[in-house]
Amino acid sequence: MCSGPLGASKATSKAIRFFDLIFSLFGLFAFSPMLIFIALAGLFDTGSPVFRQKRVGLGQKPFTLVKFRTMKPDTASVATHLANPHQVTPFGRFLRRTKLDELPQLWNVLKGDMSLVGPRPCLFNQLELISERGKRGVFHVRPGITGLAQINGIDMSKPGLLAETDAKMIRELTLGKYFYYIFATLMGRGGGDRIRKKHIVIK
């Protein structure tokens, strides 16, 4: 079992949580004008700019993830790679491409639901991914905004590979790698969870 948040040593875990708090506080303050602007633009785009969704958190306990809405309000609650691309609004495509839709998750980090670095939180209906992650102890740590899988473009469409990559990140995490994952994400590396261009309806 991992010894603390993100599977790091106790000292490293405390340092990571400290930087989580500092960076999330700074980010919410520094980006507050942008957050307000995006929220107002989203109000005109969908009428409901903030998206809230139950996700699987630390110890498989539920928490409410917040992000900017990129799809129409009536979109089905499914994993991103299964979503209908036609449900994404033009403004939503911009937010997803620039990753600005993730900014509200700094609030989740500040609250302690998430870390800046960790496995991306999945939905409760993603049973295969939950099973694969459970086998590897991935739920012993806080989920995160970014991590090893995200900067390498591994999304939730490959549950086994994603769970193994998450476990590898947890086992090998150091403070240096924590900063590296954040830096690589800010530099635009990785595509994150991608919506497939062709949507197939299974009857």
N, C-alpha and C. Protein backbone atom coordinates (compact mmCIF):
# COMPACT_ATOMS: atom_id res chain seq x y z
N MET A 1 0.85 -1.20 0.00
CA MET A 1 0.00 0.00 0.00
C MET A 1 0.87 1.23 0.00
N CYS A 2 0.45 2.29 -0.70
CA CYS A 2 1.24 3.49 -0.79
C CYS A 2 1.27 4.16 0.58
N SER A 3 2.40 4.82 0.89
CA SER A 3 2.59 5.37 2.22
C SER A 3 1.92 6.72 2.41
N GLY A 4 1.49 7.39 1.36
CA GLY A 4 0.86 8.69 1.50
C GLY A 4 0.32 9.15 0.17
N PRO A 5 -0.14 10.41 0.07
CA PRO A 5 -0.64 10.91 -1.19
C PRO A 5 0.37 10.70 -2.31
N LEU A 6 -0.12 10.15 -3.42
CA LEU A 6 0.69 9.89 -4.60
C LEU A 6 1.73 8.81 -4.39
N GLY A 7 1.64 8.06 -3.29
CA GLY A 7 2.52 6.93 -3.09
C GLY A 7 3.94 7.30 -2.74
N ALA A 8 4.20 8.54 -2.44
CA ALA A 8 5.55 8.99 -2.12
C ALA A 8 5.83 8.75 -0.63
N SER A 9 7.09 9.02 -0.22
CA SER A 9 7.41 8.94 1.20
C SER A 9 6.62 9.99 1.94
N LYS A 10 6.53 9.86 3.26
CA LYS A 10 5.75 10.81 4.03
C LYS A 10 6.25 12.24 3.86
N ALA A 11 7.58 12.40 3.86
CA ALA A 11 8.15 13.74 3.71
C ALA A 11 7.82 14.31 2.34
N THR A 12 7.97 13.47 1.30
CA THR A 12 7.67 13.93 -0.06
C THR A 12 6.18 14.21 -0.21
N SER A 13 5.35 13.36 0.40
CA SER A 13 3.90 13.56 0.33
C SER A 13 3.49 14.89 0.95
N LYS A 14 4.09 15.22 2.09
CA LYS A 14 3.78 16.49 2.74
C LYS A 14 4.24 17.66 1.88
N ALA A 15 5.42 17.51 1.25
CA ALA A 15 5.93 18.57 0.38
C ALA A 15 5.01 18.75 -0.84
N ILE A 16 4.55 17.63 -1.40
CA ILE A 16 3.65 17.70 -2.56
C ILE A 16 2.33 18.36 -2.18
N ARG A 17 1.79 18.00 -1.04
CA ARG A 17 0.54 18.62 -0.61
C ARG A 17 0.75 20.11 -0.37
N PHE A 18 1.90 20.49 0.17
CA PHE A 18 2.22 21.90 0.38
C PHE A 18 2.22 22.65 -0.95
N PHE A 19 2.90 22.08 -1.95
CA PHE A 19 2.95 22.74 -3.25
C PHE A 19 1.59 22.71 -3.95
N ASP A 20 0.80 21.66 -3.72
CA ASP A 20 -0.56 21.63 -4.24
C ASP A 20 -1.35 22.85 -3.72
N LEU A 21 -1.23 23.10 -2.43
CA LEU A 21 -1.95 24.22 -1.82
C LEU A 21 -1.46 25.56 -2.35
N ILE A 22 -0.13 25.71 -2.42
CA ILE A 22 0.44 26.96 -2.90
C ILE A 22 0.06 27.22 -4.35
N PHE A 23 0.24 26.22 -5.21
CA PHE A 23 -0.04 26.40 -6.64
C PHE A 23 -1.52 26.60 -6.92
N SER A 24 -2.38 25.87 -6.20
CA SER A 24 -3.82 26.02 -6.44
C SER A 24 -4.31 27.39 -5.97
N LEU A 25 -3.83 27.84 -4.81
CA LEU A 25 -4.20 29.16 -4.33
C LEU A 25 -3.72 30.25 -5.28
N PHE A 26 -2.46 30.13 -5.70
CA PHE A 26 -1.90 31.11 -6.63
C PHE A 26 -2.65 31.09 -7.95
N GLY A 27 -2.93 29.89 -8.46
CA GLY A 27 -3.61 29.76 -9.74
C GLY A 27 -5.01 30.35 -9.70
N LEU A 28 -5.76 30.06 -8.64
CA LEU A 28 -7.12 30.60 -8.54
C LEU A 28 -7.10 32.12 -8.45
N PHE A 29 -6.11 32.66 -7.77
CA PHE A 29 -6.00 34.12 -7.65
C PHE A 29 -5.51 34.74 -8.96
N ALA A 30 -4.43 34.19 -9.51
CA ALA A 30 -3.83 34.77 -10.71
C ALA A 30 -4.75 34.66 -11.93
N PHE A 31 -5.49 33.54 -12.01
CA PHE A 31 -6.35 33.33 -13.18
C PHE A 31 -7.80 33.74 -12.94
N SER A 32 -8.06 34.41 -11.82
CA SER A 32 -9.44 34.80 -11.52
C SER A 32 -10.09 35.64 -12.62
N PRO A 33 -9.38 36.61 -13.24
CA PRO A 33 -10.02 37.34 -14.35
C PRO A 33 -10.38 36.42 -15.51
N MET A 34 -9.49 35.46 -15.82
CA MET A 34 -9.76 34.52 -16.91
C MET A 34 -10.91 33.59 -16.54
N LEU A 35 -10.96 33.15 -15.29
CA LEU A 35 -12.04 32.28 -14.84
C LEU A 35 -13.39 32.98 -14.98
N ILE A 36 -13.42 34.25 -14.61
CA ILE A 36 -14.65 35.03 -14.73
C ILE A 36 -15.04 35.21 -16.19
N PHE A 37 -14.06 35.52 -17.04
CA PHE A 37 -14.33 35.72 -18.46
C PHE A 37 -14.87 34.44 -19.11
N ILE A 38 -14.22 33.31 -18.80
CA ILE A 38 -14.65 32.03 -19.39
C ILE A 38 -16.06 31.68 -18.89
N ALA A 39 -16.32 31.93 -17.61
CA ALA A 39 -17.65 31.64 -17.06
C ALA A 39 -18.72 32.47 -17.75
N LEU A 40 -18.43 33.75 -18.00
CA LEU A 40 -19.39 34.61 -18.68
C LEU A 40 -19.59 34.17 -20.12
N ALA A 41 -18.49 33.84 -20.79
CA ALA A 41 -18.59 33.36 -22.17
C ALA A 41 -19.37 32.05 -22.23
N GLY A 42 -19.11 31.18 -21.25
CA GLY A 42 -19.82 29.91 -21.19
C GLY A 42 -21.30 30.08 -20.92
N LEU A 43 -21.64 31.15 -20.21
CA LEU A 43 -23.05 31.43 -19.93
C LEU A 43 -23.80 31.70 -21.23
N PHE A 44 -23.16 32.43 -22.12
CA PHE A 44 -23.77 32.69 -23.43
C PHE A 44 -23.70 31.46 -24.33
N ASP A 45 -22.69 30.61 -24.12
CA ASP A 45 -22.49 29.44 -24.98
C ASP A 45 -23.50 28.33 -24.68
N THR A 46 -23.63 27.97 -23.41
CA THR A 46 -24.50 26.84 -23.05
C THR A 46 -25.55 27.20 -22.00
N GLY A 47 -25.42 28.37 -21.38
CA GLY A 47 -26.35 28.75 -20.31
C GLY A 47 -25.98 28.16 -18.97
N SER A 48 -24.97 27.29 -18.96
CA SER A 48 -24.53 26.64 -17.72
C SER A 48 -23.03 26.39 -17.82
N PRO A 49 -22.20 27.40 -17.52
CA PRO A 49 -20.76 27.32 -17.79
C PRO A 49 -19.96 26.36 -16.93
N VAL A 50 -20.42 26.06 -15.74
CA VAL A 50 -19.66 25.18 -14.83
C VAL A 50 -20.28 23.79 -14.82
N PHE A 51 -19.43 22.80 -15.00
CA PHE A 51 -19.85 21.40 -15.09
C PHE A 51 -19.43 20.68 -13.82
N ARG A 52 -20.37 20.00 -13.17
CA ARG A 52 -20.07 19.23 -11.96
C ARG A 52 -20.43 17.78 -12.20
N GLN A 53 -19.53 16.89 -11.76
CA GLN A 53 -19.76 15.47 -12.02
C GLN A 53 -19.14 14.63 -10.91
N LYS A 54 -19.85 13.59 -10.48
CA LYS A 54 -19.31 12.68 -9.47
C LYS A 54 -18.22 11.82 -10.10
N ARG A 55 -17.07 11.78 -9.46
CA ARG A 55 -15.95 10.96 -9.92
C ARG A 55 -15.44 10.08 -8.78
N VAL A 56 -14.63 9.09 -9.14
CA VAL A 56 -14.05 8.17 -8.16
C VAL A 56 -12.78 8.80 -7.59
N GLY A 57 -12.76 8.97 -6.28
CA GLY A 57 -11.63 9.63 -5.63
C GLY A 57 -10.77 8.70 -4.80
N LEU A 58 -10.07 9.27 -3.88
CA LEU A 58 -9.20 8.53 -2.97
C LEU A 58 -10.00 7.46 -2.23
N GLY A 59 -9.50 6.21 -2.23
CA GLY A 59 -10.19 5.12 -1.57
C GLY A 59 -11.50 4.74 -2.23
N GLN A 60 -11.66 5.12 -3.52
CA GLN A 60 -12.87 4.88 -4.30
C GLN A 60 -14.09 5.59 -3.73
N LYS A 61 -13.85 6.64 -2.97
CA LYS A 61 -14.94 7.45 -2.46
C LYS A 61 -15.31 8.52 -3.49
N PRO A 62 -16.59 8.86 -3.57
CA PRO A 62 -17.01 9.85 -4.56
C PRO A 62 -16.64 11.28 -4.16
N PHE A 63 -16.36 12.09 -5.15
CA PHE A 63 -16.20 13.52 -4.95
C PHE A 63 -16.76 14.22 -6.17
N THR A 64 -17.04 15.50 -6.04
CA THR A 64 -17.61 16.27 -7.14
C THR A 64 -16.52 17.04 -7.85
N LEU A 65 -16.23 16.65 -9.08
CA LEU A 65 -15.23 17.33 -9.90
C LEU A 65 -15.90 18.52 -10.58
N VAL A 66 -15.18 19.65 -10.62
CA VAL A 66 -15.70 20.84 -11.30
C VAL A 66 -14.78 21.22 -12.46
N LYS A 67 -15.39 21.61 -13.55
CA LYS A 67 -14.63 22.09 -14.70
C LYS A 67 -15.56 22.95 -15.54
N PHE A 68 -15.02 23.62 -16.53
CA PHE A 68 -15.88 24.39 -17.42
C PHE A 68 -16.56 23.47 -18.41
N ARG A 69 -17.82 23.74 -18.65
CA ARG A 69 -18.61 22.93 -19.57
C ARG A 69 -18.12 23.12 -21.00
N THR A 70 -17.91 22.02 -21.69
CA THR A 70 -17.49 22.07 -23.09
C THR A 70 -18.52 21.42 -24.02
N MET A 71 -19.51 20.73 -23.43
CA MET A 71 -20.54 20.06 -24.22
C MET A 71 -21.92 20.61 -23.85
N LYS A 72 -22.87 20.31 -24.68
CA LYS A 72 -24.24 20.75 -24.43
C LYS A 72 -24.75 20.14 -23.12
N PRO A 73 -25.58 20.87 -22.39
CA PRO A 73 -26.04 20.41 -21.08
C PRO A 73 -26.73 19.05 -21.07
N ASP A 74 -27.33 18.63 -22.19
CA ASP A 74 -28.06 17.36 -22.22
C ASP A 74 -27.18 16.17 -22.62
N THR A 75 -25.84 16.37 -22.65
CA THR A 75 -24.93 15.30 -23.03
C THR A 75 -24.95 14.17 -22.02
N ALA A 76 -24.92 12.94 -22.51
CA ALA A 76 -24.91 11.77 -21.63
C ALA A 76 -23.62 11.72 -20.82
N SER A 77 -23.72 11.22 -19.59
CA SER A 77 -22.55 11.13 -18.70
C SER A 77 -21.78 9.85 -18.99
N VAL A 78 -20.84 9.95 -19.93
CA VAL A 78 -20.01 8.81 -20.31
C VAL A 78 -18.55 9.26 -20.35
N ALA A 79 -17.65 8.28 -20.45
CA ALA A 79 -16.23 8.60 -20.58
C ALA A 79 -16.00 9.44 -21.83
N THR A 80 -15.01 10.31 -21.77
CA THR A 80 -14.77 11.26 -22.86
C THR A 80 -14.63 10.60 -24.21
N HIS A 81 -13.90 9.47 -24.26
CA HIS A 81 -13.66 8.84 -25.56
C HIS A 81 -14.93 8.23 -26.16
N LEU A 82 -15.99 8.13 -25.36
CA LEU A 82 -17.26 7.59 -25.84
C LEU A 82 -18.28 8.69 -26.16
N ALA A 83 -17.91 9.93 -25.85
CA ALA A 83 -18.84 11.05 -26.04
C ALA A 83 -19.05 11.36 -27.51
N ASN A 84 -20.22 11.86 -27.82
CA ASN A 84 -20.56 12.27 -29.18
C ASN A 84 -19.86 13.59 -29.48
N PRO A 85 -18.97 13.64 -30.47
CA PRO A 85 -18.24 14.88 -30.78
C PRO A 85 -19.15 16.02 -31.19
N HIS A 86 -20.35 15.70 -31.68
CA HIS A 86 -21.29 16.73 -32.09
C HIS A 86 -21.90 17.47 -30.91
N GLN A 87 -21.70 16.93 -29.71
CA GLN A 87 -22.21 17.58 -28.50
C GLN A 87 -21.27 18.68 -28.00
N VAL A 88 -20.05 18.70 -28.51
CA VAL A 88 -19.08 19.71 -28.10
C VAL A 88 -19.37 21.02 -28.83
N THR A 89 -19.45 22.10 -28.09
CA THR A 89 -19.73 23.40 -28.70
C THR A 89 -18.43 23.98 -29.28
N PRO A 90 -18.52 24.94 -30.20
CA PRO A 90 -17.31 25.58 -30.74
C PRO A 90 -16.43 26.19 -29.65
N PHE A 91 -17.06 26.86 -28.69
CA PHE A 91 -16.29 27.42 -27.57
C PHE A 91 -15.70 26.31 -26.73
N GLY A 92 -16.45 25.23 -26.58
CA GLY A 92 -15.96 24.07 -25.83
C GLY A 92 -14.74 23.45 -26.48
N ARG A 93 -14.72 23.40 -27.81
CA ARG A 93 -13.55 22.86 -28.51
C ARG A 93 -12.32 23.71 -28.21
N PHE A 94 -12.50 25.01 -28.17
CA PHE A 94 -11.39 25.91 -27.82
C PHE A 94 -10.90 25.63 -26.40
N LEU A 95 -11.83 25.49 -25.47
CA LEU A 95 -11.44 25.24 -24.08
C LEU A 95 -10.71 23.91 -23.94
N ARG A 96 -11.18 22.89 -24.65
CA ARG A 96 -10.55 21.58 -24.56
C ARG A 96 -9.16 21.59 -25.20
N ARG A 97 -9.04 22.27 -26.34
CA ARG A 97 -7.76 22.32 -27.04
C ARG A 97 -6.70 23.04 -26.21
N THR A 98 -7.10 24.10 -25.51
CA THR A 98 -6.17 24.88 -24.69
C THR A 98 -6.08 24.37 -23.26
N LYS A 99 -6.93 23.39 -22.91
CA LYS A 99 -7.00 22.79 -21.57
C LYS A 99 -7.50 23.78 -20.51
N LEU A 100 -8.09 24.88 -20.95
CA LEU A 100 -8.62 25.86 -20.01
C LEU A 100 -9.85 25.34 -19.27
N ASP A 101 -10.48 24.31 -19.83
CA ASP A 101 -11.65 23.74 -19.15
C ASP A 101 -11.28 23.09 -17.82
N GLU A 102 -9.97 22.80 -17.63
CA GLU A 102 -9.52 22.13 -16.41
C GLU A 102 -9.27 23.10 -15.25
N LEU A 103 -9.22 24.40 -15.54
CA LEU A 103 -8.84 25.37 -14.51
C LEU A 103 -9.65 25.29 -13.21
N PRO A 104 -10.98 25.10 -13.28
CA PRO A 104 -11.73 25.03 -12.02
C PRO A 104 -11.31 23.89 -11.10
N GLN A 105 -10.62 22.89 -11.64
CA GLN A 105 -10.18 21.78 -10.80
C GLN A 105 -9.12 22.21 -9.78
N LEU A 106 -8.59 23.41 -9.94
CA LEU A 106 -7.71 23.94 -8.90
C LEU A 106 -8.46 24.04 -7.57
N TRP A 107 -9.78 24.23 -7.65
CA TRP A 107 -10.60 24.25 -6.44
C TRP A 107 -10.63 22.86 -5.80
N ASN A 108 -10.73 21.81 -6.63
CA ASN A 108 -10.68 20.44 -6.12
C ASN A 108 -9.34 20.15 -5.45
N VAL A 109 -8.26 20.69 -6.02
CA VAL A 109 -6.93 20.50 -5.45
C VAL A 109 -6.84 21.22 -4.10
N LEU A 110 -7.33 22.44 -4.06
CA LEU A 110 -7.30 23.22 -2.82
C LEU A 110 -8.08 22.53 -1.71
N LYS A 111 -9.23 21.93 -2.05
CA LYS A 111 -10.05 21.24 -1.07
C LYS A 111 -9.44 19.92 -0.59
N GLY A 112 -8.54 19.35 -1.40
CA GLY A 112 -7.94 18.08 -1.04
C GLY A 112 -8.58 16.89 -1.71
N ASP A 113 -9.55 17.13 -2.61
CA ASP A 113 -10.14 16.05 -3.39
C ASP A 113 -9.14 15.47 -4.38
N MET A 114 -8.27 16.35 -4.88
CA MET A 114 -7.33 15.98 -5.94
C MET A 114 -5.95 16.55 -5.63
N SER A 115 -4.99 16.12 -6.42
CA SER A 115 -3.65 16.71 -6.42
C SER A 115 -3.42 17.26 -7.82
N LEU A 116 -2.43 18.11 -7.98
CA LEU A 116 -2.09 18.55 -9.33
C LEU A 116 -1.60 17.37 -10.16
N VAL A 117 -0.92 16.43 -9.51
CA VAL A 117 -0.37 15.26 -10.19
C VAL A 117 -0.98 13.99 -9.60
N GLY A 118 -1.52 13.16 -10.46
CA GLY A 118 -2.13 11.91 -10.01
C GLY A 118 -2.93 11.28 -11.14
N PRO A 119 -3.49 10.11 -10.92
CA PRO A 119 -4.31 9.46 -11.94
C PRO A 119 -5.57 10.27 -12.22
N ARG A 120 -5.93 10.43 -13.48
CA ARG A 120 -7.14 11.17 -13.81
C ARG A 120 -8.36 10.45 -13.23
N PRO A 121 -9.25 11.17 -12.52
CA PRO A 121 -10.40 10.53 -11.90
C PRO A 121 -11.40 10.04 -12.93
N CYS A 122 -11.87 8.83 -12.74
CA CYS A 122 -12.81 8.23 -13.69
C CYS A 122 -14.23 8.30 -13.15
N LEU A 123 -15.17 7.94 -14.01
CA LEU A 123 -16.58 7.86 -13.64
C LEU A 123 -16.87 6.52 -12.96
N PHE A 124 -17.93 6.46 -12.18
CA PHE A 124 -18.29 5.23 -11.50
C PHE A 124 -18.81 4.16 -12.46
N ASN A 125 -19.20 4.56 -13.68
CA ASN A 125 -19.65 3.56 -14.65
C ASN A 125 -18.53 2.99 -15.51
N GLN A 126 -17.29 3.42 -15.26
CA GLN A 126 -16.15 2.87 -15.97
C GLN A 126 -15.61 1.65 -15.20
N LEU A 127 -16.38 0.60 -15.22
CA LEU A 127 -16.12 -0.56 -14.36
C LEU A 127 -14.81 -1.26 -14.69
N GLU A 128 -14.46 -1.36 -15.96
CA GLU A 128 -13.22 -2.04 -16.33
C GLU A 128 -12.01 -1.26 -15.81
N LEU A 129 -12.02 0.05 -15.97
CA LEU A 129 -10.92 0.87 -15.49
C LEU A 129 -10.83 0.82 -13.96
N ILE A 130 -11.97 0.87 -13.29
CA ILE A 130 -11.99 0.78 -11.83
C ILE A 130 -11.39 -0.54 -11.37
N SER A 131 -11.73 -1.63 -12.07
CA SER A 131 -11.20 -2.94 -11.72
C SER A 131 -9.69 -2.99 -11.92
N GLU A 132 -9.21 -2.50 -13.05
CA GLU A 132 -7.77 -2.51 -13.35
C GLU A 132 -6.99 -1.65 -12.36
N ARG A 133 -7.54 -0.50 -12.03
CA ARG A 133 -6.87 0.37 -11.07
C ARG A 133 -6.90 -0.23 -9.66
N GLY A 134 -8.00 -0.87 -9.32
CA GLY A 134 -8.11 -1.50 -8.01
C GLY A 134 -7.07 -2.58 -7.80
N LYS A 135 -6.77 -3.36 -8.85
CA LYS A 135 -5.77 -4.43 -8.77
C LYS A 135 -4.37 -3.87 -8.49
N ARG A 136 -4.14 -2.63 -8.92
CA ARG A 136 -2.80 -2.04 -8.85
C ARG A 136 -2.64 -1.00 -7.75
N GLY A 137 -3.65 -0.85 -6.92
CA GLY A 137 -3.54 0.09 -5.79
C GLY A 137 -3.60 1.54 -6.17
N VAL A 138 -4.14 1.84 -7.35
CA VAL A 138 -4.17 3.23 -7.81
C VAL A 138 -5.07 4.10 -6.95
N PHE A 139 -6.10 3.50 -6.34
CA PHE A 139 -7.03 4.28 -5.53
C PHE A 139 -6.49 4.59 -4.13
N HIS A 140 -5.26 4.19 -3.86
CA HIS A 140 -4.64 4.53 -2.58
C HIS A 140 -4.12 5.96 -2.58
N VAL A 141 -4.22 6.64 -3.71
CA VAL A 141 -3.73 8.02 -3.81
C VAL A 141 -4.82 8.94 -4.32
N ARG A 142 -4.61 10.22 -4.15
CA ARG A 142 -5.56 11.19 -4.69
C ARG A 142 -5.48 11.21 -6.21
N PRO A 143 -6.62 11.36 -6.88
CA PRO A 143 -6.59 11.56 -8.33
C PRO A 143 -5.98 12.92 -8.63
N GLY A 144 -5.58 13.13 -9.87
CA GLY A 144 -4.91 14.37 -10.20
C GLY A 144 -5.37 14.99 -11.51
N ILE A 145 -4.87 16.19 -11.77
CA ILE A 145 -5.18 16.89 -13.01
C ILE A 145 -4.33 16.36 -14.15
N THR A 146 -3.07 16.05 -13.84
CA THR A 146 -2.17 15.53 -14.88
C THR A 146 -1.24 14.49 -14.28
N GLY A 147 -0.48 13.84 -15.16
CA GLY A 147 0.44 12.81 -14.70
C GLY A 147 1.13 12.14 -15.87
N LEU A 148 1.77 11.02 -15.60
CA LEU A 148 2.54 10.32 -16.62
C LEU A 148 1.68 9.92 -17.82
N ALA A 149 0.50 9.39 -17.58
CA ALA A 149 -0.37 8.98 -18.69
C ALA A 149 -0.77 10.17 -19.54
N GLN A 150 -1.11 11.27 -18.89
CA GLN A 150 -1.62 12.43 -19.62
C GLN A 150 -0.55 13.05 -20.53
N ILE A 151 0.68 13.16 -20.06
CA ILE A 151 1.70 13.78 -20.90
C ILE A 151 2.15 12.85 -22.03
N ASN A 152 1.77 11.57 -21.93
CA ASN A 152 2.09 10.62 -22.99
C ASN A 152 0.88 10.27 -23.85
N GLY A 153 -0.22 11.00 -23.66
CA GLY A 153 -1.39 10.82 -24.50
C GLY A 153 -2.13 9.51 -24.30
N ILE A 154 -2.01 8.90 -23.13
CA ILE A 154 -2.73 7.65 -22.83
C ILE A 154 -4.05 8.01 -22.16
N ASP A 155 -5.17 7.71 -22.81
CA ASP A 155 -6.44 8.10 -22.26
C ASP A 155 -7.22 6.90 -21.72
N MET A 156 -8.47 7.13 -21.35
CA MET A 156 -9.27 6.10 -20.69
C MET A 156 -9.84 5.06 -21.64
N SER A 157 -9.52 5.16 -22.92
CA SER A 157 -9.99 4.16 -23.88
C SER A 157 -9.16 2.87 -23.78
N LYS A 158 -8.04 2.92 -23.04
CA LYS A 158 -7.18 1.75 -22.85
C LYS A 158 -7.01 1.50 -21.35
N PRO A 159 -8.02 0.92 -20.69
CA PRO A 159 -8.03 0.78 -19.23
C PRO A 159 -6.80 0.10 -18.64
N GLY A 160 -6.39 -1.03 -19.25
CA GLY A 160 -5.25 -1.76 -18.71
C GLY A 160 -3.97 -0.96 -18.78
N LEU A 161 -3.70 -0.37 -19.93
CA LEU A 161 -2.50 0.44 -20.12
C LEU A 161 -2.52 1.67 -19.22
N LEU A 162 -3.67 2.30 -19.13
CA LEU A 162 -3.78 3.49 -18.28
C LEU A 162 -3.53 3.15 -16.82
N ALA A 163 -4.13 2.06 -16.34
CA ALA A 163 -3.96 1.67 -14.94
C ALA A 163 -2.50 1.32 -14.64
N GLU A 164 -1.84 0.61 -15.55
CA GLU A 164 -0.44 0.26 -15.36
C GLU A 164 0.45 1.50 -15.37
N THR A 165 0.14 2.44 -16.25
CA THR A 165 0.91 3.69 -16.31
C THR A 165 0.71 4.51 -15.04
N ASP A 166 -0.53 4.54 -14.55
CA ASP A 166 -0.80 5.23 -13.28
C ASP A 166 -0.01 4.60 -12.13
N ALA A 167 -0.01 3.27 -12.09
CA ALA A 167 0.71 2.56 -11.02
C ALA A 167 2.20 2.83 -11.09
N LYS A 168 2.75 2.87 -12.30
CA LYS A 168 4.17 3.17 -12.49
C LYS A 168 4.50 4.57 -11.98
N MET A 169 3.62 5.54 -12.30
CA MET A 169 3.83 6.91 -11.84
C MET A 169 3.84 6.97 -10.32
N ILE A 170 2.88 6.27 -9.69
CA ILE A 170 2.77 6.28 -8.24
C ILE A 170 4.02 5.68 -7.59
N ARG A 171 4.48 4.54 -8.13
CA ARG A 171 5.65 3.87 -7.57
C ARG A 171 6.91 4.73 -7.65
N GLU A 172 7.04 5.47 -8.74
CA GLU A 172 8.30 6.17 -9.01
C GLU A 172 8.25 7.67 -8.73
N LEU A 173 7.13 8.15 -8.16
CA LEU A 173 6.98 9.58 -8.00
C LEU A 173 7.97 10.18 -7.00
N THR A 174 8.60 11.26 -7.42
CA THR A 174 9.46 12.08 -6.57
C THR A 174 8.99 13.53 -6.71
N LEU A 175 9.52 14.39 -5.89
CA LEU A 175 9.16 15.80 -5.99
C LEU A 175 9.60 16.37 -7.35
N GLY A 176 10.76 15.89 -7.82
CA GLY A 176 11.25 16.34 -9.12
C GLY A 176 10.30 15.93 -10.25
N LYS A 177 9.79 14.72 -10.20
CA LYS A 177 8.86 14.26 -11.24
C LYS A 177 7.52 14.98 -11.12
N TYR A 178 7.13 15.31 -9.91
CA TYR A 178 5.91 16.09 -9.70
C TYR A 178 6.01 17.40 -10.47
N PHE A 179 7.13 18.11 -10.32
CA PHE A 179 7.32 19.37 -11.05
C PHE A 179 7.43 19.13 -12.56
N TYR A 180 8.06 18.03 -12.94
CA TYR A 180 8.23 17.73 -14.36
C TYR A 180 6.88 17.52 -15.04
N TYR A 181 5.99 16.75 -14.42
CA TYR A 181 4.67 16.49 -15.01
C TYR A 181 3.88 17.79 -15.18
N ILE A 182 3.97 18.66 -14.19
CA ILE A 182 3.27 19.94 -14.27
C ILE A 182 3.86 20.79 -15.40
N PHE A 183 5.19 20.87 -15.45
CA PHE A 183 5.86 21.67 -16.47
C PHE A 183 5.54 21.14 -17.87
N ALA A 184 5.60 19.82 -18.05
CA ALA A 184 5.33 19.22 -19.36
C ALA A 184 3.90 19.50 -19.80
N THR A 185 2.97 19.49 -18.85
CA THR A 185 1.57 19.78 -19.17
C THR A 185 1.41 21.23 -19.60
N LEU A 186 2.04 22.15 -18.86
CA LEU A 186 1.96 23.57 -19.20
C LEU A 186 2.58 23.87 -20.55
N MET A 187 3.56 23.06 -20.94
CA MET A 187 4.21 23.24 -22.24
C MET A 187 3.42 22.58 -23.38
N GLY A 188 2.26 21.99 -23.03
CA GLY A 188 1.38 21.45 -24.06
C GLY A 188 1.61 20.00 -24.43
N ARG A 189 2.43 19.29 -23.64
CA ARG A 189 2.69 17.89 -23.98
C ARG A 189 1.49 17.03 -23.62
N GLY A 190 1.15 16.09 -24.51
CA GLY A 190 0.05 15.17 -24.27
C GLY A 190 -1.29 15.75 -24.70
N GLY A 191 -2.20 14.87 -25.01
CA GLY A 191 -3.51 15.31 -25.48
C GLY A 191 -4.63 15.11 -24.49
N GLY A 192 -4.34 14.41 -23.39
CA GLY A 192 -5.38 14.14 -22.40
C GLY A 192 -6.47 13.23 -22.95
N ASP A 193 -7.62 13.25 -22.28
CA ASP A 193 -8.74 12.43 -22.74
C ASP A 193 -9.31 13.05 -24.01
N ARG A 194 -9.35 12.27 -25.09
CA ARG A 194 -9.76 12.78 -26.39
C ARG A 194 -11.13 12.24 -26.79
N ILE A 195 -11.92 13.10 -27.41
CA ILE A 195 -13.19 12.68 -27.97
C ILE A 195 -12.91 12.15 -29.37
N ARG A 196 -13.39 10.95 -29.65
CA ARG A 196 -13.16 10.35 -30.96
C ARG A 196 -13.89 11.13 -32.03
N LYS A 197 -13.27 11.29 -33.19
CA LYS A 197 -13.84 12.06 -34.29
C LYS A 197 -15.11 11.42 -34.83
N LYS A 198 -15.13 10.09 -34.84
CA LYS A 198 -16.31 9.38 -35.33
C LYS A 198 -17.04 8.78 -34.14
N HIS A 199 -18.28 9.09 -34.04
CA HIS A 199 -19.12 8.59 -32.94
C HIS A 199 -19.98 7.44 -33.46
N ILE A 200 -19.82 6.27 -32.87
CA ILE A 200 -20.58 5.10 -33.28
C ILE A 200 -21.64 4.80 -32.24
N VAL A 201 -22.88 4.74 -32.65
CA VAL A 201 -23.97 4.44 -31.73
C VAL A 201 -24.21 2.93 -31.72
N ILE A 202 -24.08 2.31 -30.56
CA ILE A 202 -24.28 0.88 -30.43
C ILE A 202 -25.71 0.63 -29.95
N LYS A 203 -26.49 -0.07 -30.74
CA LYS A 203 -27.89 -0.33 -30.37
C LYS A 203 -28.03 -1.70 -29.72
